[in-house]
C-alpha atoms as a PDB file:
ATOM      1  CA  MET A   1     104.141 110.126 101.958  1.00  0.00           C
ATOM      2  CA  ALA A   2     103.343 106.561 101.877  1.00  0.00           C
ATOM      3  CA  ILE A   3      99.742 105.596 103.331  1.00  0.00           C
ATOM      4  CA  LEU A   4     100.381 105.733 106.831  1.00  0.00           C
ATOM      5  CA  ALA A   5      98.192 102.987 108.577  1.00  0.00           C
ATOM      6  CA  SER A   6      95.709 100.242 107.056  1.00  0.00           C
ATOM      7  CA  THR A   7      92.685  98.442 107.973  1.00  0.00           C
ATOM      8  CA  PRO A   8      91.519  97.338 110.980  1.00  0.00           C
ATOM      9  CA  LEU A   9      93.223 100.216 113.123  1.00  0.00           C
ATOM     10  CA  LYS A  10      95.316  98.850 115.905  1.00  0.00           C
ATOM     11  CA  PRO A  11      95.528 100.311 119.850  1.00  0.00           C
ATOM     12  CA  ASP A  12      98.655 102.046 118.739  1.00  0.00           C
ATOM     13  CA  SER A  13      97.810 103.193 115.178  1.00  0.00           C
ATOM     14  CA  TYR A  14      97.941 106.627 116.190  1.00  0.00           C
ATOM     15  CA  ASN A  15     101.314 107.004 118.135  1.00  0.00           C
ATOM     16  CA  GLN A  16     103.154 104.747 114.819  1.00  0.00           C
ATOM     17  CA  ILE A  17     101.685 107.068 112.992  1.00  0.00           C
ATOM     18  CA  LEU A  18     103.274 110.383 114.630  1.00  0.00           C
ATOM     19  CA  SER A  19     106.370 108.647 115.530  1.00  0.00           C
ATOM     20  CA  ASN A  20     107.104 107.728 111.616  1.00  0.00           C
ATOM     21  CA  CYS A  21     106.611 111.533 111.084  1.00  0.00           C
ATOM     22  CA  GLY A  22     107.816 113.726 113.287  1.00  0.00           C
ATOM     23  CA  GLY A  23     105.093 113.887 115.973  1.00  0.00           C
ATOM     24  CA  ASP A  24     103.173 116.720 114.520  1.00  0.00           C
ATOM     25  CA  PRO A  25      99.597 115.700 113.704  1.00  0.00           C
ATOM     26  CA  LYS A  26      99.082 119.067 111.339  1.00  0.00           C
ATOM     27  CA  SER A  27     102.792 117.903 109.614  1.00  0.00           C
ATOM     28  CA  VAL A  28     100.977 114.263 109.288  1.00  0.00           C
ATOM     29  CA  PHE A  29      97.855 115.932 107.614  1.00  0.00           C
ATOM     30  CA  ILE A  30      99.668 118.277 104.968  1.00  0.00           C
ATOM     31  CA  GLY A  31     101.684 115.500 104.348  1.00  0.00           C
ATOM     32  CA  ILE A  32      98.780 113.352 103.258  1.00  0.00           C
ATOM     33  CA  CYS A  33      96.834 116.298 101.664  1.00  0.00           C
ATOM     34  CA  ARG A  34     100.043 116.941  99.695  1.00  0.00           C
ATOM     35  CA  GLU A  35      99.491 113.924  97.816  1.00  0.00           C
ATOM     36  CA  ILE A  36      96.178 114.350  97.590  1.00  0.00           C
ATOM     37  CA  THR A  37      96.419 117.587  95.832  1.00  0.00           C
ATOM     38  CA  GLU A  38      99.063 115.983  93.705  1.00  0.00           C
ATOM     39  CA  ARG A  39      96.722 113.204  92.236  1.00  0.00           C
ATOM     40  CA  TYR A  40      93.579 115.445  92.048  1.00  0.00           C
ATOM     41  CA  PHE A  41      95.550 117.922  89.689  1.00  0.00           C
ATOM     42  CA  VAL A  42      97.116 114.786  87.504  1.00  0.00           C
ATOM     43  CA  GLN A  43      93.631 113.261  87.477  1.00  0.00           C
ATOM     44  CA  ARG A  44      92.447 116.555  86.031  1.00  0.00           C
ATOM     45  CA  SER A  45      95.013 117.055  84.033  1.00  0.00           C
ATOM     46  CA  ILE A  46      95.935 120.733  85.279  1.00  0.00           C
ATOM     47  CA  ASN A  47      99.309 122.230  86.136  1.00  0.00           C
ATOM     48  CA  LYS A  48      99.583 121.463  89.954  1.00  0.00           C
ATOM     49  CA  PRO A  49     100.626 124.615  92.030  1.00  0.00           C
ATOM     50  CA  SER A  50     104.042 125.184  93.487  1.00  0.00           C
ATOM     51  CA  THR A  51     105.256 122.967  96.796  1.00  0.00           C
ATOM     52  CA  ALA A  52     105.180 126.510  98.704  1.00  0.00           C
ATOM     53  CA  PHE A  53     101.779 127.595  97.494  1.00  0.00           C
ATOM     54  CA  VAL A  54     100.236 123.970  98.397  1.00  0.00           C
ATOM     55  CA  GLN A  55     102.096 123.680 101.981  1.00  0.00           C
ATOM     56  CA  VAL A  56     100.624 127.210 102.967  1.00  0.00           C
ATOM     57  CA  LEU A  57      97.126 126.310 101.462  1.00  0.00           C
ATOM     58  CA  LEU A  58      97.361 122.793 103.627  1.00  0.00           C
ATOM     59  CA  ASP A  59      97.794 124.888 106.634  1.00  0.00           C
ATOM     60  CA  ARG A  60      94.974 127.184 106.489  1.00  0.00           C
ATOM     61  CA  VAL A  61      92.913 123.795 105.372  1.00  0.00           C
ATOM     62  CA  TRP A  62      93.960 122.317 108.388  1.00  0.00           C
ATOM     63  CA  GLN A  63      92.485 126.009 110.471  1.00  0.00           C
ATOM     64  CA  ALA A  64      89.281 126.039 108.747  1.00  0.00           C
ATOM     65  CA  ALA A  65      88.609 122.255 109.855  1.00  0.00           C
ATOM     66  CA  HIS A  66      88.791 123.082 113.551  1.00  0.00           C
ATOM     67  CA  THR A  67      87.258 126.286 113.117  1.00  0.00           C
ATOM     68  CA  ILE A  68      84.074 125.075 111.589  1.00  0.00           C
ATOM     69  CA  GLY A  69      84.461 122.025 114.143  1.00  0.00           C
ATOM     70  CA  THR A  70      85.241 118.864 114.048  1.00  0.00           C
ATOM     71  CA  PRO A  71      82.992 115.767 114.605  1.00  0.00           C
ATOM     72  CA  GLU A  72      82.541 113.910 117.887  1.00  0.00           C
ATOM     73  CA  PRO A  73      83.840 110.320 117.741  1.00  0.00           C
ATOM     74  CA  LEU A  74      80.918 108.329 117.351  1.00  0.00           C
ATOM     75  CA  GLU A  75      80.238 106.169 120.691  1.00  0.00           C
ATOM     76  CA  PRO A  76      81.204 102.005 120.206  1.00  0.00           C
ATOM     77  CA  LYS A  77      77.192 100.945 119.759  1.00  0.00           C
ATOM     78  CA  ALA A  78      75.929 103.982 117.965  1.00  0.00           C
ATOM     79  CA  MET A  79      75.517 104.360 114.302  1.00  0.00           C
ATOM     80  CA  GLY A  80      75.155 107.849 113.628  1.00  0.00           C
ATOM     81  CA  THR A  81      73.557 109.357 110.819  1.00  0.00           C
ATOM     82  CA  PRO A  82      74.620 110.938 107.449  1.00  0.00           C
ATOM     83  CA  GLN A  83      74.080 114.663 107.015  1.00  0.00           C
ATOM     84  CA  GLU A  84      74.460 117.075 103.899  1.00  0.00           C
ATOM     85  CA  PRO A  85      77.730 119.437 104.111  1.00  0.00           C
ATOM     86  CA  ASP A  86      76.554 123.020 104.526  1.00  0.00           C
ATOM     87  CA  TYR A  87      78.388 123.780 101.071  1.00  0.00           C
ATOM     88  CA  GLU A  88      77.724 128.005 101.525  1.00  0.00           C
ATOM     89  CA  LEU A  89      79.374 127.461 104.786  1.00  0.00           C
ATOM     90  CA  LEU A  90      82.178 125.436 103.029  1.00  0.00           C
ATOM     91  CA  TYR A  91      82.872 127.928 100.255  1.00  0.00           C
ATOM     92  CA  LEU A  92      83.153 130.727 102.074  1.00  0.00           C
ATOM     93  CA  HIS A  93      85.773 128.963 104.357  1.00  0.00           C
ATOM     94  CA  ALA A  94      87.361 127.737 100.836  1.00  0.00           C
ATOM     95  CA  GLN A  95      87.672 131.459  99.949  1.00  0.00           C
ATOM     96  CA  GLU A  96      88.760 132.270 103.121  1.00  0.00           C
ATOM     97  CA  CYS A  97      92.052 129.808 102.598  1.00  0.00           C
ATOM     98  CA  LEU A  98      92.444 131.241  99.032  1.00  0.00           C
ATOM     99  CA  ASN A  99      92.369 135.032 100.234  1.00  0.00           C
ATOM    100  CA  GLY A 100      95.983 136.882 100.034  1.00  0.00           C
ATOM    101  CA  LEU A 101      97.570 134.117  97.947  1.00  0.00           C
ATOM    102  CA  PRO A 102      98.982 134.766  95.002  1.00  0.00           C
ATOM    103  CA  LYS A 103      96.523 134.169  92.334  1.00  0.00           C
ATOM    104  CA  HIS A 104      96.496 130.697  90.475  1.00  0.00           C
ATOM    105  CA  ARG A 105      94.841 130.028  86.983  1.00  0.00           C
ATOM    106  CA  ALA A 106      93.086 126.966  88.505  1.00  0.00           C
ATOM    107  CA  GLU A 107      91.683 128.810  91.417  1.00  0.00           C
ATOM    108  CA  ASP A 108      88.201 127.482  90.516  1.00  0.00           C
ATOM    109  CA  ILE A 109      89.817 123.947  91.289  1.00  0.00           C
ATOM    110  CA  LEU A 110      91.491 124.676  94.295  1.00  0.00           C
ATOM    111  CA  ARG A 111      88.269 125.683  95.652  1.00  0.00           C
ATOM    112  CA  GLU A 112      86.843 122.457  94.780  1.00  0.00           C
ATOM    113  CA  LEU A 113      89.197 120.407  96.212  1.00  0.00           C
ATOM    114  CA  ILE A 114      89.521 122.221  99.785  1.00  0.00           C
ATOM    115  CA  ILE A 115      85.234 121.693  99.864  1.00  0.00           C
ATOM    116  CA  GLN A 116      85.632 118.440  99.046  1.00  0.00           C
ATOM    117  CA  LEU A 117      88.679 117.745 102.092  1.00  0.00           C
ATOM    118  CA  LEU A 118      86.295 119.713 104.592  1.00  0.00           C
ATOM    119  CA  VAL A 119      83.606 117.711 103.765  1.00  0.00           C
ATOM    120  CA  GLY A 120      85.382 114.714 105.108  1.00  0.00           C
ATOM    121  CA  LEU A 121      87.087 116.077 108.070  1.00  0.00           C
ATOM    122  CA  THR A 122      83.902 117.902 109.264  1.00  0.00           C
ATOM    123  CA  ASN A 123      81.245 116.075 108.570  1.00  0.00           C
ATOM    124  CA  PRO A 124      79.812 114.025 111.463  1.00  0.00           C
ATOM    125  CA  GLU A 125      80.530 110.218 111.409  1.00  0.00           C
ATOM    126  CA  PHE A 126      78.092 107.129 110.798  1.00  0.00           C
ATOM    127  CA  LYS A 127      78.442 103.777 110.559  1.00  0.00           C
ATOM    128  CA  ALA A 128      76.081 102.732 107.263  1.00  0.00           C
ATOM    129  CA  CYS A 129      77.695 104.119 104.048  1.00  0.00           C
ATOM    130  CA  ARG A 130      74.788 105.672 101.899  1.00  0.00           C
ATOM    131  CA  GLN A 131      75.727 103.210  99.046  1.00  0.00           C
ATOM    132  CA  SER A 132      75.891 106.782  96.471  1.00  0.00           C
ATOM    133  CA  TYR A 133      78.235 104.697  94.444  1.00  0.00           C
ATOM    134  CA  THR A 134      75.643 102.178  93.167  1.00  0.00           C
ATOM    135  CA  SER A 135      73.003 105.346  92.195  1.00  0.00           C
ATOM    136  CA  ARG A 136      71.177 104.876  89.285  1.00  0.00           C
ATOM    137  CA  HIS A 137      70.041 107.980  86.767  1.00  0.00           C
ATOM    138  CA  ALA A 138      68.821 108.643  83.957  1.00  0.00           C
ATOM    139  CA  GLU A 139      72.226 108.612  82.279  1.00  0.00           C
ATOM    140  CA  GLY A 140      73.626 105.940  84.517  1.00  0.00           C
ATOM    141  CA  CYS A 141      75.734 105.584  87.322  1.00  0.00           C
ATOM    142  CA  LEU A 142      78.079 108.774  87.963  1.00  0.00           C
ATOM    143  CA  ARG A 143      79.813 107.488  90.693  1.00  0.00           C
ATOM    144  CA  GLN A 144      80.828 104.707  88.219  1.00  0.00           C
ATOM    145  CA  ASN A 145      81.759 107.518  85.463  1.00  0.00           C
ATOM    146  CA  ARG A 146      86.012 107.943  85.150  1.00  0.00           C
ATOM    147  CA  ASP A 147      85.613 110.872  83.970  1.00  0.00           C
ATOM    148  CA  HIS A 148      83.181 112.245  87.010  1.00  0.00           C
ATOM    149  CA  CYS A 149      85.428 110.563  89.121  1.00  0.00           C
ATOM    150  CA  ALA A 150      88.328 112.855  87.967  1.00  0.00           C
ATOM    151  CA  GLU A 151      86.503 115.520  89.684  1.00  0.00           C
ATOM    152  CA  ARG A 152      86.033 114.098  93.337  1.00  0.00           C
ATOM    153  CA  VAL A 153      88.547 113.722  95.608  1.00  0.00           C
ATOM    154  CA  SER A 154      87.085 110.786  97.156  1.00  0.00           C
ATOM    155  CA  GLY A 155      86.219 108.970  93.741  1.00  0.00           C
ATOM    156  CA  ALA A 156      83.649 106.810  93.788  1.00  0.00           C
ATOM    157  CA  HIS A 157      82.364 107.220  97.250  1.00  0.00           C
ATOM    158  CA  CYS A 158      81.242 110.494  99.351  1.00  0.00           C
ATOM    159  CA  GLU A 159      84.068 112.388 101.692  1.00  0.00           C
ATOM    160  CA  ASP A 160      82.696 111.059 104.496  1.00  0.00           C
ATOM    161  CA  CYS A 161      81.931 107.653 103.296  1.00  0.00           C
ATOM    162  CA  PRO A 162      82.804 104.938 106.259  1.00  0.00           C
ATOM    163  CA  TYR A 163      84.111 102.102 104.332  1.00  0.00           C
ATOM    164  CA  PHE A 164      87.553 104.480 104.009  1.00  0.00           C
ATOM    165  CA  VAL A 165      87.705 103.457 108.068  1.00  0.00           C
ATOM    166  CA  VAL A 166      85.827 100.247 108.765  1.00  0.00           C
ATOM    167  CA  LEU A 167      87.471  98.068 105.353  1.00  0.00           C
ATOM    168  CA  SER A 168      90.863  96.874 104.663  1.00  0.00           C
ATOM    169  CA  LYS A 169      91.871  98.117 100.986  1.00  0.00           C
ATOM    170  CA  GLU A 170      91.422  94.610  99.754  1.00  0.00           C
ATOM    171  CA  GLN A 171      88.035  94.143 101.297  1.00  0.00           C
ATOM    172  CA  HIS A 172      86.888  98.035  99.925  1.00  0.00           C
ATOM    173  CA  ARG A 173      88.424  97.058  96.379  1.00  0.00           C
ATOM    174  CA  ARG A 174      86.090  93.571  96.175  1.00  0.00           C
ATOM    175  CA  LEU A 175      83.376  95.559  97.924  1.00  0.00           C
ATOM    176  CA  LEU A 176      83.169  98.662  94.731  1.00  0.00           C
ATOM    177  CA  GLN A 177      84.320  95.869  91.978  1.00  0.00           C
ATOM    178  CA  ARG A 178      81.130  93.840  92.931  1.00  0.00           C
ATOM    179  CA  SER A 179      78.836  96.878  92.675  1.00  0.00           C
ATOM    180  CA  TRP A 180      80.384  98.027  89.307  1.00  0.00           C
ATOM    181  CA  ALA A 181      77.956  97.943  86.759  1.00  0.00           C
ATOM    182  CA  ASP A 182      79.849  98.350  83.443  1.00  0.00           C
ATOM    183  CA  GLU A 183      81.772  94.712  82.539  1.00  0.00           C
ATOM    184  CA  SER A 184      84.591  96.590  81.269  1.00  0.00           C
ATOM    185  CA  ASP A 185      87.748  97.080  82.347  1.00  0.00           C
ATOM    186  CA  ASP A 186      87.200 100.525  83.393  1.00  0.00           C
ATOM    187  CA  PHE A 187      87.376 100.080  87.293  1.00  0.00           C
ATOM    188  CA  SER A 188      90.434  98.359  87.155  1.00  0.00           C
ATOM    189  CA  ILE A 189      92.354 100.809  84.934  1.00  0.00           C
ATOM    190  CA  ASN A 190      91.192 103.918  86.771  1.00  0.00           C
ATOM    191  CA  LYS A 191      91.125 101.953  90.504  1.00  0.00           C
ATOM    192  CA  ASP A 192      93.355 104.682  91.552  1.00  0.00           C
ATOM    193  CA  ILE A 193      90.661 107.384  90.702  1.00  0.00           C
ATOM    194  CA  PHE A 194      87.687 105.413  91.377  1.00  0.00           C
ATOM    195  CA  LEU A 195      88.928 104.680  95.137  1.00  0.00           C
ATOM    196  CA  PRO A 196      92.283 106.357  96.083  1.00  0.00           C
ATOM    197  CA  GLU A 197      94.522 105.125  98.519  1.00  0.00           C
ATOM    198  CA  ASP A 198      95.852 108.062  99.427  1.00  0.00           C
ATOM    199  CA  PHE A 199      92.445 109.759 101.021  1.00  0.00           C
ATOM    200  CA  ARG A 200      91.906 106.708 102.542  1.00  0.00           C
ATOM    201  CA  SER A 201      95.436 107.300 104.510  1.00  0.00           C
ATOM    202  CA  LEU A 202      93.607 111.017 105.353  1.00  0.00           C
ATOM    203  CA  ARG A 203      90.430 109.285 106.757  1.00  0.00           C
ATOM    204  CA  VAL A 204      92.303 106.655 108.762  1.00  0.00           C
ATOM    205  CA  PHE A 205      94.905 109.137 110.225  1.00  0.00           C
ATOM    206  CA  TRP A 206      92.027 111.849 110.493  1.00  0.00           C
ATOM    207  CA  HIS A 207      89.696 108.868 112.328  1.00  0.00           C
ATOM    208  CA  LEU A 208      92.635 108.697 114.845  1.00  0.00           C
ATOM    209  CA  HIS A 209      93.094 112.427 115.367  1.00  0.00           C
ATOM    210  CA  LEU A 210      89.654 112.629 116.421  1.00  0.00           C
ATOM    211  CA  ARG A 211      89.933 110.226 119.319  1.00  0.00           C
ATOM    212  CA  ASN A 212      93.826 111.209 120.314  1.00  0.00           C
ATOM    213  CA  ARG A 213      93.818 115.192 120.055  1.00  0.00           C
ATOM    214  CA  ARG A 214      96.930 116.532 121.091  1.00  0.00           C
ATOM    215  CA  ASN A 215      96.279 120.461 119.916  1.00  0.00           C
END
């Protein structure tokens, strides 16, 4: 499935996405997340599960997000406040998504994937980025480390980062590249890991879906 919508968003973006993808929000969600899953397993150099397995799993992730509770859209002038995820709760829901499915040798990786997706789907909205992608530690900036970001579904950014929605693809790329501490070609070579466009598709779709619920 190609990138579904670009930013800035247009008033009819959601209807256009649905009309291009059969009219079913869950099918759109599963289609985007299937691409994310395939990319995530490639960047971790692990064989991905079967298409049938992933289809069932992502159907359960959709249900889990609604069971946990999806965030209320922010009012136009509200800024919102970043919140830390409840990882214990998300772990339980991720395990529930996996229960009853055939055992997969990368079950731990699948659980990590589900938890990260659920963070992006259920954390409250906010407008001021945490700027974790610039945080420096004794070992350097982990969010600018290729191997670290290969374990993340959202690359250098937090899963709930507002930049995926408020910035265009090119604006986002320029912002991230300006913040890069290492002057090597690491960012350009691994751009799809540091700034995955399939994840932008998910965040854009979800942003619109929360404002146009048709469940």
